[in-house]
Protein backbone atom coordinates (compact mmCIF):
# COMPACT_ATOMS: atom_id res chain seq x y z
CA UNK A 1 0.00 0.00 0.00
CA UNK A 2 1.17 3.51 -0.76
CA UNK A 3 2.05 5.70 2.22
CA UNK A 4 0.30 8.99 2.93
CA UNK A 5 3.15 11.46 3.02
CA UNK A 6 2.97 15.19 3.61
CA UNK A 7 3.25 15.98 -0.12
CA UNK A 8 0.35 13.67 -0.99
CA UNK A 9 -1.79 15.07 1.84
CA UNK A 10 -1.18 18.66 0.80
CA UNK A 11 -1.96 17.85 -2.86
CA UNK A 12 -5.28 16.27 -1.83
CA UNK A 13 -6.21 19.15 0.46
CA UNK A 14 -5.30 21.76 -2.16
CA UNK A 15 -7.93 20.23 -4.44
CA UNK A 16 -10.49 19.84 -1.65
CA UNK A 17 -10.07 23.52 -0.82
CA UNK A 18 -11.30 24.59 -4.27
CA UNK A 19 -14.46 22.46 -4.40
CA UNK A 20 -17.18 25.13 -4.58
CA UNK A 21 -19.93 25.54 -2.04
CA UNK A 22 -22.92 23.37 -2.98
CA UNK A 23 -20.85 20.95 -5.07
CA UNK A 24 -19.17 17.61 -4.38
CA UNK A 25 -16.17 15.82 -5.81
CA UNK A 26 -15.30 12.13 -5.70
CA UNK A 27 -12.27 10.39 -4.26
CA UNK A 28 -11.34 9.12 -7.72
CA UNK A 29 -11.71 12.55 -9.24
CA UNK A 30 -9.31 14.03 -6.69
CA UNK A 31 -6.86 11.19 -7.29
CA UNK A 32 -6.92 11.90 -11.04
CA UNK A 33 -6.49 15.65 -10.55
CA UNK A 34 -3.36 15.16 -8.45
CA UNK A 35 -1.90 12.72 -10.95
CA UNK A 36 -2.51 9.56 -8.89
CA UNK A 37 -5.51 7.97 -10.68
CA UNK A 38 -5.13 4.60 -8.96
CA UNK A 39 -5.15 6.03 -5.45
CA UNK A 40 -8.82 6.91 -4.80
CA UNK A 41 -8.85 4.85 -1.59
CA UNK A 42 -5.68 6.55 -0.43
CA UNK A 43 -7.39 9.91 -0.98
CA UNK A 44 -10.14 8.70 1.36
CA UNK A 45 -7.61 7.63 3.99
CA UNK A 46 -5.82 10.96 3.69
CA UNK A 47 -9.08 12.86 4.23
CA UNK A 48 -9.73 10.76 7.30
CA UNK A 49 -6.44 12.00 8.73
CA UNK A 50 -6.76 15.60 7.56
CA UNK A 51 -7.66 17.06 10.95
CA UNK A 52 -4.03 17.78 11.74
CA UNK A 53 -3.79 20.00 8.66
CA UNK A 54 -6.38 22.60 9.64
CA UNK A 55 -9.93 23.11 8.42
CA UNK A 56 -10.84 21.96 4.92
CA UNK A 57 -14.24 21.23 3.31
CA UNK A 58 -13.67 17.45 3.32
CA UNK A 59 -17.43 16.96 3.72
CA UNK A 60 -17.70 17.80 -0.01
CA UNK A 61 -16.02 14.54 -1.03
CA UNK A 62 -18.14 11.43 -1.69
CA UNK A 63 -17.89 8.14 -3.56
CA UNK A 64 -18.42 7.90 -7.33
CA UNK A 65 -22.10 7.03 -6.78
CA UNK A 66 -22.60 9.86 -4.28
CA UNK A 67 -22.46 7.82 -1.06
CA UNK A 68 -21.57 9.66 2.12
CA UNK A 69 -18.88 8.53 4.55
CA UNK A 70 -20.43 5.79 6.74
CA UNK A 71 -20.56 6.86 10.36
CA UNK A 72 -19.81 10.55 9.74
CA UNK A 73 -23.04 11.96 11.14
CA UNK A 74 -22.12 15.59 10.45
CA UNK A 75 -21.49 15.18 6.71
CA UNK A 76 -25.15 15.14 5.62
CA UNK A 77 -26.19 18.24 7.65
CA UNK A 78 -23.14 20.13 6.38
CA UNK A 79 -24.02 19.33 2.76
CA UNK A 80 -27.71 20.13 3.31
CA UNK A 81 -26.67 23.51 4.71
CA UNK A 82 -24.96 24.14 1.36
CA UNK A 83 -28.12 23.11 -0.55
CA UNK A 84 -26.55 19.94 -1.96
CA UNK A 85 -29.40 17.77 -3.32
CA UNK A 86 -29.85 14.22 -2.03
CA UNK A 87 -31.32 11.11 -3.65
CA UNK A 88 -31.83 9.40 -0.29
CA UNK A 89 -30.47 9.52 3.27
CA UNK A 90 -26.98 8.34 2.35
CA UNK A 91 -26.44 9.51 -1.25
CA UNK A 92 -26.16 12.96 -2.77
CA UNK A 93 -27.66 13.42 -6.22
CA UNK A 94 -24.27 13.30 -7.93
CA UNK A 95 -25.76 14.23 -11.31
CA UNK A 96 -27.04 17.54 -9.94
CA UNK A 97 -24.13 18.57 -7.73
CA UNK A 98 -20.96 17.03 -9.15
CA UNK A 99 -18.13 19.53 -9.46
CA UNK A 100 -16.46 19.23 -12.84
CA UNK A 101 -13.07 20.13 -11.41
CA UNK A 102 -9.98 21.61 -12.86
C-alpha atoms as a PDB file:
ATOM      1  CA  UNK A   1       0.000   0.000   0.000  1.00  0.00           C
ATOM      2  CA  UNK A   2       1.165   3.512  -0.758  1.00  0.00           C
ATOM      3  CA  UNK A   3       2.054   5.695   2.220  1.00  0.00           C
ATOM      4  CA  UNK A   4       0.301   8.986   2.932  1.00  0.00           C
ATOM      5  CA  UNK A   5       3.150  11.458   3.018  1.00  0.00           C
ATOM      6  CA  UNK A   6       2.971  15.190   3.607  1.00  0.00           C
ATOM      7  CA  UNK A   7       3.249  15.985  -0.117  1.00  0.00           C
ATOM      8  CA  UNK A   8       0.345  13.666  -0.990  1.00  0.00           C
ATOM      9  CA  UNK A   9      -1.788  15.065   1.844  1.00  0.00           C
ATOM     10  CA  UNK A  10      -1.178  18.656   0.796  1.00  0.00           C
ATOM     11  CA  UNK A  11      -1.963  17.849  -2.859  1.00  0.00           C
ATOM     12  CA  UNK A  12      -5.283  16.272  -1.833  1.00  0.00           C
ATOM     13  CA  UNK A  13      -6.208  19.152   0.459  1.00  0.00           C
ATOM     14  CA  UNK A  14      -5.298  21.758  -2.158  1.00  0.00           C
ATOM     15  CA  UNK A  15      -7.932  20.229  -4.440  1.00  0.00           C
ATOM     16  CA  UNK A  16     -10.494  19.842  -1.652  1.00  0.00           C
ATOM     17  CA  UNK A  17     -10.074  23.522  -0.821  1.00  0.00           C
ATOM     18  CA  UNK A  18     -11.296  24.586  -4.272  1.00  0.00           C
ATOM     19  CA  UNK A  19     -14.462  22.465  -4.395  1.00  0.00           C
ATOM     20  CA  UNK A  20     -17.180  25.126  -4.579  1.00  0.00           C
ATOM     21  CA  UNK A  21     -19.932  25.540  -2.039  1.00  0.00           C
ATOM     22  CA  UNK A  22     -22.915  23.374  -2.981  1.00  0.00           C
ATOM     23  CA  UNK A  23     -20.849  20.950  -5.074  1.00  0.00           C
ATOM     24  CA  UNK A  24     -19.175  17.610  -4.377  1.00  0.00           C
ATOM     25  CA  UNK A  25     -16.166  15.816  -5.813  1.00  0.00           C
ATOM     26  CA  UNK A  26     -15.296  12.131  -5.702  1.00  0.00           C
ATOM     27  CA  UNK A  27     -12.272  10.388  -4.260  1.00  0.00           C
ATOM     28  CA  UNK A  28     -11.341   9.115  -7.719  1.00  0.00           C
ATOM     29  CA  UNK A  29     -11.706  12.548  -9.240  1.00  0.00           C
ATOM     30  CA  UNK A  30      -9.310  14.031  -6.689  1.00  0.00           C
ATOM     31  CA  UNK A  31      -6.856  11.189  -7.290  1.00  0.00           C
ATOM     32  CA  UNK A  32      -6.923  11.898 -11.041  1.00  0.00           C
ATOM     33  CA  UNK A  33      -6.493  15.655 -10.547  1.00  0.00           C
ATOM     34  CA  UNK A  34      -3.356  15.157  -8.447  1.00  0.00           C
ATOM     35  CA  UNK A  35      -1.903  12.716 -10.954  1.00  0.00           C
ATOM     36  CA  UNK A  36      -2.508   9.563  -8.892  1.00  0.00           C
ATOM     37  CA  UNK A  37      -5.506   7.974 -10.682  1.00  0.00           C
ATOM     38  CA  UNK A  38      -5.126   4.599  -8.956  1.00  0.00           C
ATOM     39  CA  UNK A  39      -5.153   6.028  -5.451  1.00  0.00           C
ATOM     40  CA  UNK A  40      -8.816   6.911  -4.805  1.00  0.00           C
ATOM     41  CA  UNK A  41      -8.852   4.853  -1.589  1.00  0.00           C
ATOM     42  CA  UNK A  42      -5.682   6.552  -0.432  1.00  0.00           C
ATOM     43  CA  UNK A  43      -7.390   9.911  -0.978  1.00  0.00           C
ATOM     44  CA  UNK A  44     -10.141   8.698   1.362  1.00  0.00           C
ATOM     45  CA  UNK A  45      -7.613   7.626   3.985  1.00  0.00           C
ATOM     46  CA  UNK A  46      -5.823  10.960   3.692  1.00  0.00           C
ATOM     47  CA  UNK A  47      -9.076  12.859   4.227  1.00  0.00           C
ATOM     48  CA  UNK A  48      -9.731  10.761   7.298  1.00  0.00           C
ATOM     49  CA  UNK A  49      -6.442  12.004   8.734  1.00  0.00           C
ATOM     50  CA  UNK A  50      -6.761  15.600   7.556  1.00  0.00           C
ATOM     51  CA  UNK A  51      -7.658  17.061  10.949  1.00  0.00           C
ATOM     52  CA  UNK A  52      -4.025  17.782  11.737  1.00  0.00           C
ATOM     53  CA  UNK A  53      -3.795  20.004   8.664  1.00  0.00           C
ATOM     54  CA  UNK A  54      -6.376  22.604   9.638  1.00  0.00           C
ATOM     55  CA  UNK A  55      -9.934  23.112   8.417  1.00  0.00           C
ATOM     56  CA  UNK A  56     -10.837  21.956   4.921  1.00  0.00           C
ATOM     57  CA  UNK A  57     -14.236  21.225   3.306  1.00  0.00           C
ATOM     58  CA  UNK A  58     -13.674  17.455   3.319  1.00  0.00           C
ATOM     59  CA  UNK A  59     -17.429  16.961   3.717  1.00  0.00           C
ATOM     60  CA  UNK A  60     -17.701  17.800  -0.009  1.00  0.00           C
ATOM     61  CA  UNK A  61     -16.016  14.539  -1.025  1.00  0.00           C
ATOM     62  CA  UNK A  62     -18.138  11.434  -1.687  1.00  0.00           C
ATOM     63  CA  UNK A  63     -17.888   8.140  -3.564  1.00  0.00           C
ATOM     64  CA  UNK A  64     -18.420   7.901  -7.328  1.00  0.00           C
ATOM     65  CA  UNK A  65     -22.097   7.026  -6.782  1.00  0.00           C
ATOM     66  CA  UNK A  66     -22.601   9.857  -4.282  1.00  0.00           C
ATOM     67  CA  UNK A  67     -22.459   7.824  -1.062  1.00  0.00           C
ATOM     68  CA  UNK A  68     -21.566   9.661   2.115  1.00  0.00           C
ATOM     69  CA  UNK A  69     -18.880   8.529   4.548  1.00  0.00           C
ATOM     70  CA  UNK A  70     -20.434   5.791   6.735  1.00  0.00           C
ATOM     71  CA  UNK A  71     -20.558   6.861  10.358  1.00  0.00           C
ATOM     72  CA  UNK A  72     -19.806  10.548   9.740  1.00  0.00           C
ATOM     73  CA  UNK A  73     -23.038  11.962  11.138  1.00  0.00           C
ATOM     74  CA  UNK A  74     -22.116  15.594  10.445  1.00  0.00           C
ATOM     75  CA  UNK A  75     -21.495  15.184   6.711  1.00  0.00           C
ATOM     76  CA  UNK A  76     -25.147  15.144   5.623  1.00  0.00           C
ATOM     77  CA  UNK A  77     -26.187  18.235   7.653  1.00  0.00           C
ATOM     78  CA  UNK A  78     -23.139  20.127   6.375  1.00  0.00           C
ATOM     79  CA  UNK A  79     -24.022  19.327   2.764  1.00  0.00           C
ATOM     80  CA  UNK A  80     -27.705  20.128   3.308  1.00  0.00           C
ATOM     81  CA  UNK A  81     -26.675  23.513   4.707  1.00  0.00           C
ATOM     82  CA  UNK A  82     -24.956  24.137   1.357  1.00  0.00           C
ATOM     83  CA  UNK A  83     -28.118  23.112  -0.549  1.00  0.00           C
ATOM     84  CA  UNK A  84     -26.551  19.942  -1.956  1.00  0.00           C
ATOM     85  CA  UNK A  85     -29.405  17.773  -3.317  1.00  0.00           C
ATOM     86  CA  UNK A  86     -29.850  14.220  -2.029  1.00  0.00           C
ATOM     87  CA  UNK A  87     -31.323  11.109  -3.649  1.00  0.00           C
ATOM     88  CA  UNK A  88     -31.827   9.398  -0.293  1.00  0.00           C
ATOM     89  CA  UNK A  89     -30.474   9.517   3.266  1.00  0.00           C
ATOM     90  CA  UNK A  90     -26.981   8.339   2.350  1.00  0.00           C
ATOM     91  CA  UNK A  91     -26.443   9.513  -1.249  1.00  0.00           C
ATOM     92  CA  UNK A  92     -26.156  12.956  -2.771  1.00  0.00           C
ATOM     93  CA  UNK A  93     -27.656  13.422  -6.217  1.00  0.00           C
ATOM     94  CA  UNK A  94     -24.274  13.297  -7.932  1.00  0.00           C
ATOM     95  CA  UNK A  95     -25.760  14.228 -11.309  1.00  0.00           C
ATOM     96  CA  UNK A  96     -27.042  17.538  -9.942  1.00  0.00           C
ATOM     97  CA  UNK A  97     -24.127  18.570  -7.728  1.00  0.00           C
ATOM     98  CA  UNK A  98     -20.956  17.026  -9.149  1.00  0.00           C
ATOM     99  CA  UNK A  99     -18.132  19.534  -9.463  1.00  0.00           C
ATOM    100  CA  UNK A 100     -16.464  19.226 -12.842  1.00  0.00           C
ATOM    101  CA  UNK A 101     -13.073  20.129 -11.411  1.00  0.00           C
ATOM    102  CA  UNK A 102      -9.983  21.611 -12.863  1.00  0.00           C
END
